[in-house]
């Protein structure tokens, strides 16, 4: 299934596969709703991402199946002399094809895309409860230079 991997912008029809991958672990099951039909909020979020030139929801596709996903957000900063950063979020690889190099290829693609957009920094966060993911990112050259903090807001 993984001989040929193509990376492309996600389509609205990919959203169910993306949500399935996002929900396919202990942490994801706590915060995602992989139901049929999907909650409309996922499609509204997709439309907002897709309509924003500084956001790219990217899927890895093999043999017509979506096997990976990540979101790239390009952020202008005044720091580093007014440079751009790329933020990588929501990285997931389908459980059926993990450990086959797809994640490495997807991340290399994302880093190259950040270079194309003249980004000075590529950053990401990973939950501390995902030590394997953190090791993976460190193997790719990411270093833990900052402490990340989050404030979860209650939805209204």
Protein backbone atom coordinates (compact mmCIF):
# COMPACT_ATOMS: atom_id res chain seq x y z
CA UNK A 1 0.00 0.00 0.00
CA UNK A 2 2.85 2.44 0.62
CA UNK A 3 4.97 2.14 -2.52
CA UNK A 4 3.77 5.46 -3.96
CA UNK A 5 2.90 8.23 -1.56
CA UNK A 6 1.47 11.49 -2.84
CA UNK A 7 0.98 14.61 -0.78
CA UNK A 8 -1.85 16.96 -1.63
CA UNK A 9 -4.19 19.48 -0.10
CA UNK A 10 -7.07 17.78 1.62
CA UNK A 11 -10.51 17.83 0.06
CA UNK A 12 -13.79 18.09 1.93
CA UNK A 13 -14.44 14.43 1.10
CA UNK A 14 -11.26 13.51 3.06
CA UNK A 15 -12.61 14.88 6.35
CA UNK A 16 -14.10 11.55 7.60
CA UNK A 17 -10.73 9.78 7.06
CA UNK A 18 -8.88 12.63 8.76
CA UNK A 19 -11.18 12.58 11.78
CA UNK A 20 -10.85 8.79 11.99
CA UNK A 21 -7.06 9.14 12.22
CA UNK A 22 -7.28 12.01 14.72
CA UNK A 23 -9.53 9.90 16.97
CA UNK A 24 -7.45 6.72 16.71
CA UNK A 25 -5.54 6.85 19.98
CA UNK A 26 -6.20 7.34 23.68
CA UNK A 27 -5.94 11.13 23.60
CA UNK A 28 -7.84 11.50 20.33
CA UNK A 29 -10.76 9.40 21.56
CA UNK A 30 -11.19 11.87 24.43
CA UNK A 31 -11.55 14.93 22.21
CA UNK A 32 -12.73 13.83 18.76
CA UNK A 33 -16.11 12.58 17.58
CA UNK A 34 -15.61 9.93 14.91
CA UNK A 35 -19.29 9.32 14.24
CA UNK A 36 -21.43 9.04 11.15
CA UNK A 37 -22.55 11.52 10.18
CA UNK A 38 -19.70 13.70 11.40
CA UNK A 39 -20.58 16.75 13.46
CA UNK A 40 -20.93 19.77 11.16
CA UNK A 41 -18.20 21.54 13.14
CA UNK A 42 -15.55 19.46 11.34
CA UNK A 43 -16.77 20.57 7.91
CA UNK A 44 -17.00 24.19 9.04
CA UNK A 45 -13.42 23.97 10.34
CA UNK A 46 -12.29 22.39 7.07
CA UNK A 47 -13.92 25.22 5.09
CA UNK A 48 -12.17 27.84 7.25
CA UNK A 49 -8.78 26.13 6.87
CA UNK A 50 -9.24 25.59 3.15
CA UNK A 51 -10.24 29.22 2.61
CA UNK A 52 -7.21 30.64 4.45
CA UNK A 53 -4.08 31.15 2.33
CA UNK A 54 -1.90 30.75 5.44
CA UNK A 55 -3.28 27.30 6.26
CA UNK A 56 -2.81 24.04 4.42
CA UNK A 57 -4.42 20.78 5.47
CA UNK A 58 -2.31 18.15 3.74
CA UNK A 59 -2.95 14.45 3.31
CA UNK A 60 -0.69 11.57 2.35
CA UNK A 61 -2.40 9.30 -0.14
CA UNK A 62 -1.43 5.79 -1.21
CA UNK A 63 -3.37 3.65 -3.69
CA UNK A 64 -6.31 6.05 -3.45
CA UNK A 65 -6.49 5.87 0.36
CA UNK A 66 -5.74 8.70 2.78
CA UNK A 67 -3.02 7.35 5.08
CA UNK A 68 -1.69 10.48 6.77
CA UNK A 69 -2.50 14.08 7.58
CA UNK A 70 -1.03 17.25 9.00
CA UNK A 71 -1.95 20.90 9.13
CA UNK A 72 0.56 23.62 8.25
CA UNK A 73 -0.09 27.14 9.43
CA UNK A 74 2.14 29.95 8.19
CA UNK A 75 2.52 32.77 10.72
CA UNK A 76 4.17 36.16 10.17
CA UNK A 77 6.28 37.38 13.10
CA UNK A 78 8.12 40.55 13.98
CA UNK A 79 10.83 38.45 15.63
CA UNK A 80 13.78 37.23 13.60
CA UNK A 81 13.64 40.45 11.60
CA UNK A 82 10.04 40.04 10.52
CA UNK A 83 10.24 36.42 9.41
CA UNK A 84 7.63 33.71 8.91
CA UNK A 85 7.17 30.49 10.87
CA UNK A 86 5.47 27.27 9.94
CA UNK A 87 3.45 25.57 12.65
CA UNK A 88 2.79 21.85 12.15
CA UNK A 89 -0.22 20.41 13.95
CA UNK A 90 -2.49 17.39 13.87
CA UNK A 91 0.05 14.93 12.50
CA UNK A 92 -1.40 11.44 12.18
CA UNK A 93 -0.57 8.32 10.21
CA UNK A 94 -3.13 5.57 9.70
CA UNK A 95 -2.47 2.77 12.18
CA UNK A 96 -2.43 0.20 9.33
CA UNK A 97 0.67 1.78 7.76
CA UNK A 98 2.64 3.12 10.73
CA UNK A 99 6.37 2.41 10.90
CA UNK A 100 6.64 2.31 7.11
CA UNK A 101 8.32 5.69 6.71
CA UNK A 102 5.21 7.65 5.74
CA UNK A 103 5.47 10.00 8.73
CA UNK A 104 9.10 10.75 7.91
CA UNK A 105 8.21 11.50 4.28
CA UNK A 106 5.23 13.65 5.29
CA UNK A 107 7.36 15.68 7.69
CA UNK A 108 10.12 16.12 5.09
CA UNK A 109 7.47 17.35 2.65
CA UNK A 110 6.14 19.82 5.25
CA UNK A 111 9.62 21.15 6.02
CA UNK A 112 10.29 21.63 2.32
CA UNK A 113 6.96 23.44 1.97
CA UNK A 114 7.98 25.75 4.84
CA UNK A 115 11.20 26.54 2.98
CA UNK A 116 9.19 27.33 -0.15
CA UNK A 117 7.18 29.82 1.90
CA UNK A 118 10.44 31.40 3.18
CA UNK A 119 9.87 30.34 6.79
CA UNK A 120 12.73 30.82 9.21
CA UNK A 121 11.44 28.36 11.83
CA UNK A 122 9.32 25.22 11.76
CA UNK A 123 7.70 24.46 15.08
CA UNK A 124 5.32 21.94 16.51
CA UNK A 125 3.99 20.70 19.80
CA UNK A 126 3.38 17.17 20.97
CA UNK A 127 1.50 16.06 24.04
CA UNK A 128 3.84 14.87 26.78
CA UNK A 129 1.75 11.69 26.90
CA UNK A 130 3.11 10.80 23.44
CA UNK A 131 6.79 10.02 24.13
CA UNK A 132 7.13 8.01 20.88
CA UNK A 133 6.02 11.03 18.87
CA UNK A 134 8.45 13.28 20.72
CA UNK A 135 11.32 10.86 20.01
CA UNK A 136 10.28 10.78 16.34
CA UNK A 137 10.36 14.58 16.07
CA UNK A 138 13.72 14.76 17.85
CA UNK A 139 15.12 12.20 15.37
CA UNK A 140 14.06 14.61 12.62
CA UNK A 141 16.08 17.40 14.24
CA UNK A 142 13.43 19.19 16.28
CA UNK A 143 14.72 20.32 19.67
CA UNK A 144 12.73 21.14 22.81
CA UNK A 145 13.77 24.79 23.17
CA UNK A 146 10.68 26.17 24.94
CA UNK A 147 8.07 25.13 27.49
CA UNK A 148 4.65 25.04 25.89
CA UNK A 149 1.59 26.17 27.82
CA UNK A 150 -2.08 25.88 26.91
CA UNK A 151 -5.26 27.26 28.33
CA UNK A 152 -8.35 25.23 27.40
CA UNK A 153 -11.45 27.38 27.09
CA UNK A 154 -14.92 26.01 27.65
CA UNK A 155 -17.08 26.01 24.56
CA UNK A 156 -20.27 28.00 24.79
